Amino acid sequence: MIRELADYGADLICSAYAHSPRQLTDAIALGVLLKQVVAMVDAADALIRIGAIHSAHLQARAACEASFYLEWMLSSDSENKAKHYYVASLRDQKQWAIRASSGTPENKRFVDSLAQAGIDDSWTSEMNPDETATYLERVNAILAQPELAGIQESFEKYTKKYRRPAQWYQPMGFKSIADIASALSRKYEYIIFYSKGSNVVHSGSHFDHIAFSKSNVRFKGIRSVDNCKESIMHLVQIAMRSYRAVNQRYIPEDEQALGRLWIERWRAPFFSMPDFEFETK
């Protein structure tokens, strides 16, 4: 079921883009965000097959975040949101180009951090300064385009005000991913699924790794099928929600076809997944 969902999503990227105006919004919504959802479902499928359920939560969390972004971008003001995403991505690349530019304060901090970590920084001398300068000039030229200059300015104001880099959605008034989830009426997914994935990403829960008893501590296995059913349910929900949002925007005539696939192929395995009980010896 997960394999078929990933395959459906891969086909949807191409078919939805073929039905789109092929503008910046479509390239980012489909070629970046939908692709990220599909790639993470695909990766989770590979991990689930080898019993690495704990690790699969990382992919599920990434898919969940991309799904929030995708649906939010398609829900309203799509062009403006896509431009904010694009500018944020360009700003990140610009920052790395500045770090690679010899003589800049950012370059010195970068080289010093390599030295502090005991990493040989001799490779940095091989970077072509002319190529770096040309790339930086090209990025600045894109950011200076009339349709992006105002957005670039809003990022600068946010960074100056809060003294930290802005996430792509923050200059539009959304403080966090939780705010986006709430706007989509998907806060429950954030609380239940996204938070679980965050605990895995940040090693935030000892319950995933060890169990205490009166006389000893038990280390849980690197691979385990514990919570397999919950992980799969999460992935299916993310994939179906994302695919519906894309179909509604780009191929509304395919909505019923997706519904039939759910009824005829995926609903039965989804509701008949086995539960596992573990006995500690």
C-alpha atoms as a PDB file:
ATOM      1  CA  MET A   1       0.000   0.000   0.000  1.00  0.00           C
ATOM      2  CA  ILE A   2       2.778   2.452   0.897  1.00  0.00           C
ATOM      3  CA  ARG A   3       4.711   1.469  -2.231  1.00  0.00           C
ATOM      4  CA  GLU A   4       1.665   2.143  -4.418  1.00  0.00           C
ATOM      5  CA  LEU A   5       1.046   5.489  -2.709  1.00  0.00           C
ATOM      6  CA  ALA A   6       4.623   6.542  -3.463  1.00  0.00           C
ATOM      7  CA  ASP A   7       4.249   5.453  -7.092  1.00  0.00           C
ATOM      8  CA  TYR A   8       0.973   7.359  -7.418  1.00  0.00           C
ATOM      9  CA  GLY A   9       2.606  10.476  -6.024  1.00  0.00           C
ATOM     10  CA  ALA A  10       5.551  10.229  -8.423  1.00  0.00           C
ATOM     11  CA  ASP A  11       3.154  10.102 -11.366  1.00  0.00           C
ATOM     12  CA  LEU A  12       1.102  12.951  -9.903  1.00  0.00           C
ATOM     13  CA  ILE A  13       4.101  15.297  -9.852  1.00  0.00           C
ATOM     14  CA  CYS A  14       4.412  15.009 -13.637  1.00  0.00           C
ATOM     15  CA  SER A  15       0.726  14.935 -14.525  1.00  0.00           C
ATOM     16  CA  ALA A  16      -0.195  17.888 -12.293  1.00  0.00           C
ATOM     17  CA  TYR A  17       2.663  19.979 -13.666  1.00  0.00           C
ATOM     18  CA  ALA A  18       1.552  19.150 -17.208  1.00  0.00           C
ATOM     19  CA  HIS A  19      -1.907  20.529 -16.294  1.00  0.00           C
ATOM     20  CA  SER A  20      -0.474  23.642 -14.627  1.00  0.00           C
ATOM     21  CA  PRO A  21       0.405  27.094 -16.039  1.00  0.00           C
ATOM     22  CA  ARG A  22       4.040  26.119 -15.313  1.00  0.00           C
ATOM     23  CA  GLN A  23       4.794  29.217 -13.297  1.00  0.00           C
ATOM     24  CA  LEU A  24       6.957  29.636 -10.184  1.00  0.00           C
ATOM     25  CA  THR A  25       4.079  28.602  -7.925  1.00  0.00           C
ATOM     26  CA  ASP A  26       3.622  25.334  -9.802  1.00  0.00           C
ATOM     27  CA  ALA A  27       7.332  24.546  -9.866  1.00  0.00           C
ATOM     28  CA  ILE A  28       7.641  24.971  -6.100  1.00  0.00           C
ATOM     29  CA  ALA A  29       4.324  23.389  -5.106  1.00  0.00           C
ATOM     30  CA  LEU A  30       4.839  20.335  -7.310  1.00  0.00           C
ATOM     31  CA  GLY A  31       8.564  20.091  -7.986  1.00  0.00           C
ATOM     32  CA  VAL A  32       9.591  20.862  -4.413  1.00  0.00           C
ATOM     33  CA  LEU A  33       6.842  20.330  -1.842  1.00  0.00           C
ATOM     34  CA  LEU A  34       4.849  17.491  -3.422  1.00  0.00           C
ATOM     35  CA  LYS A  35       8.131  15.861  -4.460  1.00  0.00           C
ATOM     36  CA  GLN A  36       9.326  16.077  -0.857  1.00  0.00           C
ATOM     37  CA  VAL A  37       6.164  14.351   0.364  1.00  0.00           C
ATOM     38  CA  VAL A  38       6.590  11.555  -2.188  1.00  0.00           C
ATOM     39  CA  ALA A  39      10.311  11.185  -1.523  1.00  0.00           C
ATOM     40  CA  MET A  40       9.703  10.842   2.218  1.00  0.00           C
ATOM     41  CA  VAL A  41       6.900   8.306   1.728  1.00  0.00           C
ATOM     42  CA  ASP A  42       9.252   6.372  -0.545  1.00  0.00           C
ATOM     43  CA  ALA A  43      12.070   6.503   2.034  1.00  0.00           C
ATOM     44  CA  ALA A  44       9.739   5.488   4.867  1.00  0.00           C
ATOM     45  CA  ASP A  45       8.583   2.514   2.795  1.00  0.00           C
ATOM     46  CA  ALA A  46      12.203   1.368   2.441  1.00  0.00           C
ATOM     47  CA  LEU A  47      12.784   1.685   6.193  1.00  0.00           C
ATOM     48  CA  ILE A  48       9.548  -0.040   7.151  1.00  0.00           C
ATOM     49  CA  ARG A  49      10.480  -3.000   4.945  1.00  0.00           C
ATOM     50  CA  ILE A  50      13.661  -3.590   6.981  1.00  0.00           C
ATOM     51  CA  GLY A  51      11.982  -3.079  10.335  1.00  0.00           C
ATOM     52  CA  ALA A  52      13.479   0.357  11.048  1.00  0.00           C
ATOM     53  CA  ILE A  53      10.222   1.887  12.263  1.00  0.00           C
ATOM     54  CA  HIS A  54      11.843   4.315  14.689  1.00  0.00           C
ATOM     55  CA  SER A  55      13.938   5.800  11.884  1.00  0.00           C
ATOM     56  CA  ALA A  56      10.884   5.964   9.602  1.00  0.00           C
ATOM     57  CA  HIS A  57       9.400   8.584  11.937  1.00  0.00           C
ATOM     58  CA  LEU A  58      12.029  11.015  10.627  1.00  0.00           C
ATOM     59  CA  GLN A  59      10.692  10.629   7.094  1.00  0.00           C
ATOM     60  CA  ALA A  60       7.102  10.819   8.313  1.00  0.00           C
ATOM     61  CA  ARG A  61       7.832  14.094  10.086  1.00  0.00           C
ATOM     62  CA  ALA A  62       9.482  15.560   6.979  1.00  0.00           C
ATOM     63  CA  ALA A  63       6.540  14.444   4.850  1.00  0.00           C
ATOM     64  CA  CYS A  64       4.111  15.977   7.345  1.00  0.00           C
ATOM     65  CA  GLU A  65       5.906  19.337   7.276  1.00  0.00           C
ATOM     66  CA  ALA A  66       6.020  19.398   3.464  1.00  0.00           C
ATOM     67  CA  SER A  67       2.342  18.452   3.371  1.00  0.00           C
ATOM     68  CA  PHE A  68       1.461  21.410   5.616  1.00  0.00           C
ATOM     69  CA  TYR A  69       3.461  23.741   3.387  1.00  0.00           C
ATOM     70  CA  LEU A  70       1.977  22.302   0.200  1.00  0.00           C
ATOM     71  CA  GLU A  71      -1.657  22.552   1.254  1.00  0.00           C
ATOM     72  CA  TRP A  72      -1.147  25.999   2.782  1.00  0.00           C
ATOM     73  CA  MET A  73       0.514  27.289  -0.388  1.00  0.00           C
ATOM     74  CA  LEU A  74      -2.276  25.961  -2.594  1.00  0.00           C
ATOM     75  CA  SER A  75      -5.085  27.120  -0.285  1.00  0.00           C
ATOM     76  CA  SER A  76      -4.795  30.877  -0.969  1.00  0.00           C
ATOM     77  CA  ASP A  77      -2.407  33.649  -2.030  1.00  0.00           C
ATOM     78  CA  SER A  78      -0.368  30.963  -3.774  1.00  0.00           C
ATOM     79  CA  GLU A  79       1.854  33.189  -5.877  1.00  0.00           C
ATOM     80  CA  ASN A  80       2.890  35.345  -2.935  1.00  0.00           C
ATOM     81  CA  LYS A  81       3.659  32.305  -0.775  1.00  0.00           C
ATOM     82  CA  ALA A  82       5.679  30.695  -3.554  1.00  0.00           C
ATOM     83  CA  LYS A  83       7.696  33.879  -3.973  1.00  0.00           C
ATOM     84  CA  HIS A  84       8.413  33.984  -0.228  1.00  0.00           C
ATOM     85  CA  TYR A  85       9.615  30.384  -0.388  1.00  0.00           C
ATOM     86  CA  TYR A  86      11.783  31.185  -3.402  1.00  0.00           C
ATOM     87  CA  VAL A  87      13.307  34.277  -1.785  1.00  0.00           C
ATOM     88  CA  ALA A  88      14.062  32.382   1.438  1.00  0.00           C
ATOM     89  CA  SER A  89      15.833  29.686  -0.567  1.00  0.00           C
ATOM     90  CA  LEU A  90      17.852  32.267  -2.509  1.00  0.00           C
ATOM     91  CA  ARG A  91      18.812  34.027   0.717  1.00  0.00           C
ATOM     92  CA  ASP A  92      20.134  30.773   2.108  1.00  0.00           C
ATOM     93  CA  GLN A  93      22.261  30.230  -0.994  1.00  0.00           C
ATOM     94  CA  LYS A  94      23.441  33.839  -0.796  1.00  0.00           C
ATOM     95  CA  GLN A  95      24.583  33.291   2.778  1.00  0.00           C
ATOM     96  CA  TRP A  96      26.683  30.308   1.732  1.00  0.00           C
ATOM     97  CA  ALA A  97      28.186  32.285  -1.148  1.00  0.00           C
ATOM     98  CA  ILE A  98      29.176  35.018   1.311  1.00  0.00           C
ATOM     99  CA  ARG A  99      30.724  32.415   3.605  1.00  0.00           C
ATOM    100  CA  ALA A 100      32.783  31.221   0.640  1.00  0.00           C
ATOM    101  CA  SER A 101      33.948  34.760  -0.209  1.00  0.00           C
ATOM    102  CA  SER A 102      37.446  35.288   1.150  1.00  0.00           C
ATOM    103  CA  GLY A 103      37.824  38.346   3.335  1.00  0.00           C
ATOM    104  CA  THR A 104      34.230  38.569   4.533  1.00  0.00           C
ATOM    105  CA  PRO A 105      33.432  38.329   8.272  1.00  0.00           C
ATOM    106  CA  GLU A 106      31.207  35.334   7.464  1.00  0.00           C
ATOM    107  CA  ASN A 107      34.121  33.589   5.751  1.00  0.00           C
ATOM    108  CA  LYS A 108      36.378  34.140   8.748  1.00  0.00           C
ATOM    109  CA  ARG A 109      33.764  32.784  11.163  1.00  0.00           C
ATOM    110  CA  PHE A 110      33.234  29.774   8.886  1.00  0.00           C
ATOM    111  CA  VAL A 111      36.952  28.972   8.621  1.00  0.00           C
ATOM    112  CA  ASP A 112      37.422  29.524  12.361  1.00  0.00           C
ATOM    113  CA  SER A 113      34.573  27.116  13.113  1.00  0.00           C
ATOM    114  CA  LEU A 114      36.248  24.468  10.941  1.00  0.00           C
ATOM    115  CA  ALA A 115      39.492  24.963  12.824  1.00  0.00           C
ATOM    116  CA  GLN A 116      37.733  24.681  16.193  1.00  0.00           C
ATOM    117  CA  ALA A 117      36.209  21.404  15.061  1.00  0.00           C
ATOM    118  CA  GLY A 118      39.611  20.113  14.004  1.00  0.00           C
ATOM    119  CA  ILE A 119      38.599  19.977  10.331  1.00  0.00           C
ATOM    120  CA  ASP A 120      41.220  20.682   7.689  1.00  0.00           C
ATOM    121  CA  ASP A 121      40.163  23.891   5.936  1.00  0.00           C
ATOM    122  CA  SER A 122      42.792  23.809   3.194  1.00  0.00           C
ATOM    123  CA  TRP A 123      40.106  22.839   0.678  1.00  0.00           C
ATOM    124  CA  THR A 124      38.540  26.283   1.075  1.00  0.00           C
ATOM    125  CA  SER A 125      41.535  27.810  -0.734  1.00  0.00           C
ATOM    126  CA  GLU A 126      40.579  25.830  -3.835  1.00  0.00           C
ATOM    127  CA  MET A 127      37.276  27.669  -4.226  1.00  0.00           C
ATOM    128  CA  ASN A 128      37.238  29.940  -7.252  1.00  0.00           C
ATOM    129  CA  PRO A 129      36.640  33.522  -6.030  1.00  0.00           C
ATOM    130  CA  ASP A 130      35.529  34.670  -9.481  1.00  0.00           C
ATOM    131  CA  GLU A 131      32.879  31.933  -9.666  1.00  0.00           C
ATOM    132  CA  THR A 132      31.689  32.770  -6.153  1.00  0.00           C
ATOM    133  CA  ALA A 133      31.475  36.484  -6.985  1.00  0.00           C
ATOM    134  CA  THR A 134      29.598  35.747 -10.216  1.00  0.00           C
ATOM    135  CA  TYR A 135      27.139  33.481  -8.408  1.00  0.00           C
ATOM    136  CA  LEU A 136      26.582  36.048  -5.656  1.00  0.00           C
ATOM    137  CA  GLU A 137      25.993  38.751  -8.263  1.00  0.00           C
ATOM    138  CA  ARG A 138      23.436  36.558 -10.022  1.00  0.00           C
ATOM    139  CA  VAL A 139      21.540  35.818  -6.788  1.00  0.00           C
ATOM    140  CA  ASN A 140      21.487  39.508  -5.847  1.00  0.00           C
ATOM    141  CA  ALA A 141      20.170  40.373  -9.308  1.00  0.00           C
ATOM    142  CA  ILE A 142      17.295  37.911  -8.904  1.00  0.00           C
ATOM    143  CA  LEU A 143      16.441  39.251  -5.447  1.00  0.00           C
ATOM    144  CA  ALA A 144      16.454  42.805  -6.845  1.00  0.00           C
ATOM    145  CA  GLN A 145      13.781  42.009  -9.441  1.00  0.00           C
ATOM    146  CA  PRO A 146      10.686  44.213  -8.881  1.00  0.00           C
ATOM    147  CA  GLU A 147       8.402  41.286  -8.052  1.00  0.00           C
ATOM    148  CA  LEU A 148      10.832  40.001  -5.398  1.00  0.00           C
ATOM    149  CA  ALA A 149      12.470  43.158  -4.042  1.00  0.00           C
ATOM    150  CA  GLY A 150       9.633  43.917  -1.626  1.00  0.00           C
ATOM    151  CA  ILE A 151       9.698  40.381  -0.267  1.00  0.00           C
ATOM    152  CA  GLN A 152      13.469  40.550   0.115  1.00  0.00           C
ATOM    153  CA  GLU A 153      13.015  43.759   2.104  1.00  0.00           C
ATOM    154  CA  SER A 154      10.450  42.110   4.374  1.00  0.00           C
ATOM    155  CA  PHE A 155      12.959  39.353   5.167  1.00  0.00           C
ATOM    156  CA  GLU A 156      15.613  41.963   5.970  1.00  0.00           C
ATOM    157  CA  LYS A 157      13.230  43.781   8.314  1.00  0.00           C
ATOM    158  CA  TYR A 158      12.258  40.552  10.070  1.00  0.00           C
ATOM    159  CA  THR A 159      15.900  39.518  10.510  1.00  0.00           C
ATOM    160  CA  LYS A 160      16.837  42.935  11.860  1.00  0.00           C
ATOM    161  CA  LYS A 161      13.884  43.053  14.252  1.00  0.00           C
ATOM    162  CA  TYR A 162      14.252  39.564  15.714  1.00  0.00           C
ATOM    163  CA  ARG A 163      18.014  39.189  15.160  1.00  0.00           C
ATOM    164  CA  ARG A 164      17.665  35.775  13.586  1.00  0.00           C
ATOM    165  CA  PRO A 165      17.073  34.400  10.090  1.00  0.00           C
ATOM    166  CA  ALA A 166      13.424  34.208   9.067  1.00  0.00           C
ATOM    167  CA  GLN A 167      11.701  31.003   8.014  1.00  0.00           C
ATOM    168  CA  TRP A 168      10.012  31.463   4.653  1.00  0.00           C
ATOM    169  CA  TYR A 169       6.522  31.852   6.105  1.00  0.00           C
ATOM    170  CA  GLN A 170       7.369  34.189   9.004  1.00  0.00           C
ATOM    171  CA  PRO A 171       7.382  37.529   7.134  1.00  0.00           C
ATOM    172  CA  MET A 172       3.770  36.705   6.199  1.00  0.00           C
ATOM    173  CA  GLY A 173       2.757  36.673   9.863  1.00  0.00           C
ATOM    174  CA  PHE A 174       2.905  32.976  10.661  1.00  0.00           C
ATOM    175  CA  LYS A 175       5.255  32.340  13.555  1.00  0.00           C
ATOM    176  CA  SER A 176       5.576  28.579  13.315  1.00  0.00           C
ATOM    177  CA  ILE A 177       4.596  25.368  11.551  1.00  0.00           C
ATOM    178  CA  ALA A 178       2.010  24.938  14.287  1.00  0.00           C
ATOM    179  CA  ASP A 179       0.336  28.163  13.107  1.00  0.00           C
ATOM    180  CA  ILE A 180       0.166  26.799   9.564  1.00  0.00           C
ATOM    181  CA  ALA A 181      -1.269  23.485  10.792  1.00  0.00           C
ATOM    182  CA  SER A 182      -3.925  25.375  12.766  1.00  0.00           C
ATOM    183  CA  ALA A 183      -4.863  27.469   9.713  1.00  0.00           C
ATOM    184  CA  LEU A 184      -5.456  24.213   7.813  1.00  0.00           C
ATOM    185  CA  SER A 185      -7.461  22.641  10.671  1.00  0.00           C
ATOM    186  CA  ARG A 186      -4.676  20.052  10.958  1.00  0.00           C
ATOM    187  CA  LYS A 187      -3.473  20.920  14.452  1.00  0.00           C
ATOM    188  CA  TYR A 188      -4.270  17.397  15.618  1.00  0.00           C
ATOM    189  CA  GLU A 189      -1.712  16.052  13.125  1.00  0.00           C
ATOM    190  CA  TYR A 190       0.844  18.480  14.439  1.00  0.00           C
ATOM    191  CA  ILE A 191       0.205  17.456  18.037  1.00  0.00           C
ATOM    192  CA  ILE A 192       0.077  13.706  17.453  1.00  0.00           C
ATOM    193  CA  PHE A 193       2.289  12.944  14.458  1.00  0.00           C
ATOM    194  CA  TYR A 194       4.600  15.885  13.867  1.00  0.00           C
ATOM    195  CA  SER A 195       5.482  16.111  17.565  1.00  0.00           C
ATOM    196  CA  LYS A 196       6.290  12.407  17.635  1.00  0.00           C
ATOM    197  CA  GLY A 197       8.637  12.863  14.707  1.00  0.00           C
ATOM    198  CA  SER A 198      10.217  15.864  16.420  1.00  0.00           C
ATOM    199  CA  ASN A 199      10.937  13.751  19.490  1.00  0.00           C
ATOM    200  CA  VAL A 200      12.707  11.241  17.260  1.00  0.00           C
ATOM    201  CA  VAL A 201      14.665  13.947  15.400  1.00  0.00           C
ATOM    202  CA  HIS A 202      15.818  15.634  18.605  1.00  0.00           C
ATOM    203  CA  SER A 203      16.215  12.490  20.761  1.00  0.00           C
ATOM    204  CA  GLY A 204      13.549  13.976  22.980  1.00  0.00           C
ATOM    205  CA  SER A 205      12.144  10.843  24.614  1.00  0.00           C
ATOM    206  CA  HIS A 206      13.912   8.080  26.514  1.00  0.00           C
ATOM    207  CA  PHE A 207      10.833   5.866  26.043  1.00  0.00           C
ATOM    208  CA  ASP A 208      11.892   5.240  22.429  1.00  0.00           C
ATOM    209  CA  HIS A 209      15.225   3.802  23.510  1.00  0.00           C
ATOM    210  CA  ILE A 210      15.247   2.340  27.017  1.00  0.00           C
ATOM    211  CA  ALA A 211      12.886   0.810  29.568  1.00  0.00           C
ATOM    212  CA  PHE A 212      13.435   0.795  33.328  1.00  0.00           C
ATOM    213  CA  SER A 213      12.455  -1.938  35.764  1.00  0.00           C
ATOM    214  CA  LYS A 214      13.083  -2.352  39.493  1.00  0.00           C
ATOM    215  CA  SER A 215      16.447  -4.008  39.018  1.00  0.00           C
ATOM    216  CA  ASN A 216      17.770  -3.089  35.583  1.00  0.00           C
ATOM    217  CA  VAL A 217      17.467  -1.072  32.395  1.00  0.00           C
ATOM    218  CA  ARG A 218      16.648  -2.610  29.004  1.00  0.00           C
ATOM    219  CA  PHE A 219      18.019  -1.120  25.795  1.00  0.00           C
ATOM    220  CA  LYS A 220      15.566  -1.369  22.933  1.00  0.00           C
ATOM    221  CA  GLY A 221      16.682  -2.703  19.557  1.00  0.00           C
ATOM    222  CA  ILE A 222      18.072  -0.514  16.796  1.00  0.00           C
ATOM    223  CA  ARG A 223      15.435  -2.025  14.515  1.00  0.00           C
ATOM    224  CA  SER A 224      11.946  -2.834  15.694  1.00  0.00           C
ATOM    225  CA  VAL A 225       8.416  -3.008  14.318  1.00  0.00           C
ATOM    226  CA  ASP A 226       7.068  -1.345  17.440  1.00  0.00           C
ATOM    227  CA  ASN A 227       4.529   1.365  16.488  1.00  0.00           C
ATOM    228  CA  CYS A 228       4.552   0.102  12.888  1.00  0.00           C
ATOM    229  CA  LYS A 229       0.789   0.415  12.494  1.00  0.00           C
ATOM    230  CA  GLU A 230       0.718   3.998  13.775  1.00  0.00           C
ATOM    231  CA  SER A 231       3.590   4.994  11.502  1.00  0.00           C
ATOM    232  CA  ILE A 232       1.876   3.584   8.410  1.00  0.00           C
ATOM    233  CA  MET A 233      -1.445   5.223   9.296  1.00  0.00           C
ATOM    234  CA  HIS A 234       0.346   8.553   9.563  1.00  0.00           C
ATOM    235  CA  LEU A 235       2.065   8.153   6.186  1.00  0.00           C
ATOM    236  CA  VAL A 236      -1.161   7.177   4.442  1.00  0.00           C
ATOM    237  CA  GLN A 237      -3.015  10.147   5.893  1.00  0.00           C
ATOM    238  CA  ILE A 238      -0.259  12.566   4.836  1.00  0.00           C
ATOM    239  CA  ALA A 239      -0.054  11.158   1.312  1.00  0.00           C
ATOM    240  CA  MET A 240      -3.805  11.113   0.696  1.00  0.00           C
ATOM    241  CA  ARG A 241      -4.279  14.628   2.083  1.00  0.00           C
ATOM    242  CA  SER A 242      -1.451  15.953  -0.108  1.00  0.00           C
ATOM    243  CA  TYR A 243      -2.654  14.197  -3.257  1.00  0.00           C
ATOM    244  CA  ARG A 244      -6.204  15.440  -2.785  1.00  0.00           C
ATOM    245  CA  ALA A 245      -4.987  19.026  -2.399  1.00  0.00           C
ATOM    246  CA  VAL A 246      -2.971  18.760  -5.611  1.00  0.00           C
ATOM    247  CA  ASN A 247      -5.781  17.125  -7.573  1.00  0.00           C
ATOM    248  CA  GLN A 248      -8.265  19.759  -6.429  1.00  0.00           C
ATOM    249  CA  ARG A 249      -5.961  22.495  -7.679  1.00  0.00           C
ATOM    250  CA  TYR A 250      -4.636  20.985 -10.897  1.00  0.00           C
ATOM    251  CA  ILE A 251      -6.618  17.915 -11.986  1.00  0.00           C
ATOM    252  CA  PRO A 252     -10.087  18.079 -10.379  1.00  0.00           C
ATOM    253  CA  GLU A 253     -11.368  15.400 -12.770  1.00  0.00           C
ATOM    254  CA  ASP A 254      -8.952  12.927 -11.101  1.00  0.00           C
ATOM    255  CA  GLU A 255     -10.374  13.370  -7.604  1.00  0.00           C
ATOM    256  CA  GLN A 256     -12.910  10.598  -8.112  1.00  0.00           C
ATOM    257  CA  ALA A 257     -10.229   8.313  -9.568  1.00  0.00           C
ATOM    258  CA  LEU A 258      -8.126   8.772  -6.434  1.00  0.00           C
ATOM    259  CA  GLY A 259     -11.189   8.013  -4.329  1.00  0.00           C
ATOM    260  CA  ARG A 260     -11.772   4.792  -6.268  1.00  0.00           C
ATOM    261  CA  LEU A 261      -8.154   3.751  -5.749  1.00  0.00           C
ATOM    262  CA  TRP A 262      -8.616   4.258  -2.041  1.00  0.00           C
ATOM    263  CA  ILE A 263     -11.802   2.183  -1.959  1.00  0.00           C
ATOM    264  CA  GLU A 264     -10.668  -0.575  -4.305  1.00  0.00           C
ATOM    265  CA  ARG A 265      -6.997  -1.001  -3.357  1.00  0.00           C
ATOM    266  CA  TRP A 266      -5.925   0.773  -0.189  1.00  0.00           C
ATOM    267  CA  ARG A 267      -8.838   0.933   2.230  1.00  0.00           C
ATOM    268  CA  ALA A 268      -8.866  -2.791   2.992  1.00  0.00           C
ATOM    269  CA  PRO A 269      -5.148  -3.101   3.825  1.00  0.00           C
ATOM    270  CA  PHE A 270      -5.294   0.166   5.748  1.00  0.00           C
ATOM    271  CA  PHE A 271      -8.018  -1.077   8.067  1.00  0.00           C
ATOM    272  CA  SER A 272      -6.673  -4.630   8.350  1.00  0.00           C
ATOM    273  CA  MET A 273      -3.123  -3.886   9.490  1.00  0.00           C
ATOM    274  CA  PRO A 274      -2.129  -6.241  12.307  1.00  0.00           C
ATOM    275  CA  ASP A 275      -1.329  -5.185  15.842  1.00  0.00           C
ATOM    276  CA  PHE A 276       1.909  -6.431  17.392  1.00  0.00           C
ATOM    277  CA  GLU A 277       2.385  -7.494  20.982  1.00  0.00           C
ATOM    278  CA  PHE A 278       5.890  -7.798  22.423  1.00  0.00           C
ATOM    279  CA  GLU A 279       6.956 -10.074  25.225  1.00  0.00           C
ATOM    280  CA  THR A 280      10.146  -9.098  27.052  1.00  0.00           C
ATOM    281  CA  LYS A 281      12.212 -12.084  28.138  1.00  0.00           C
END
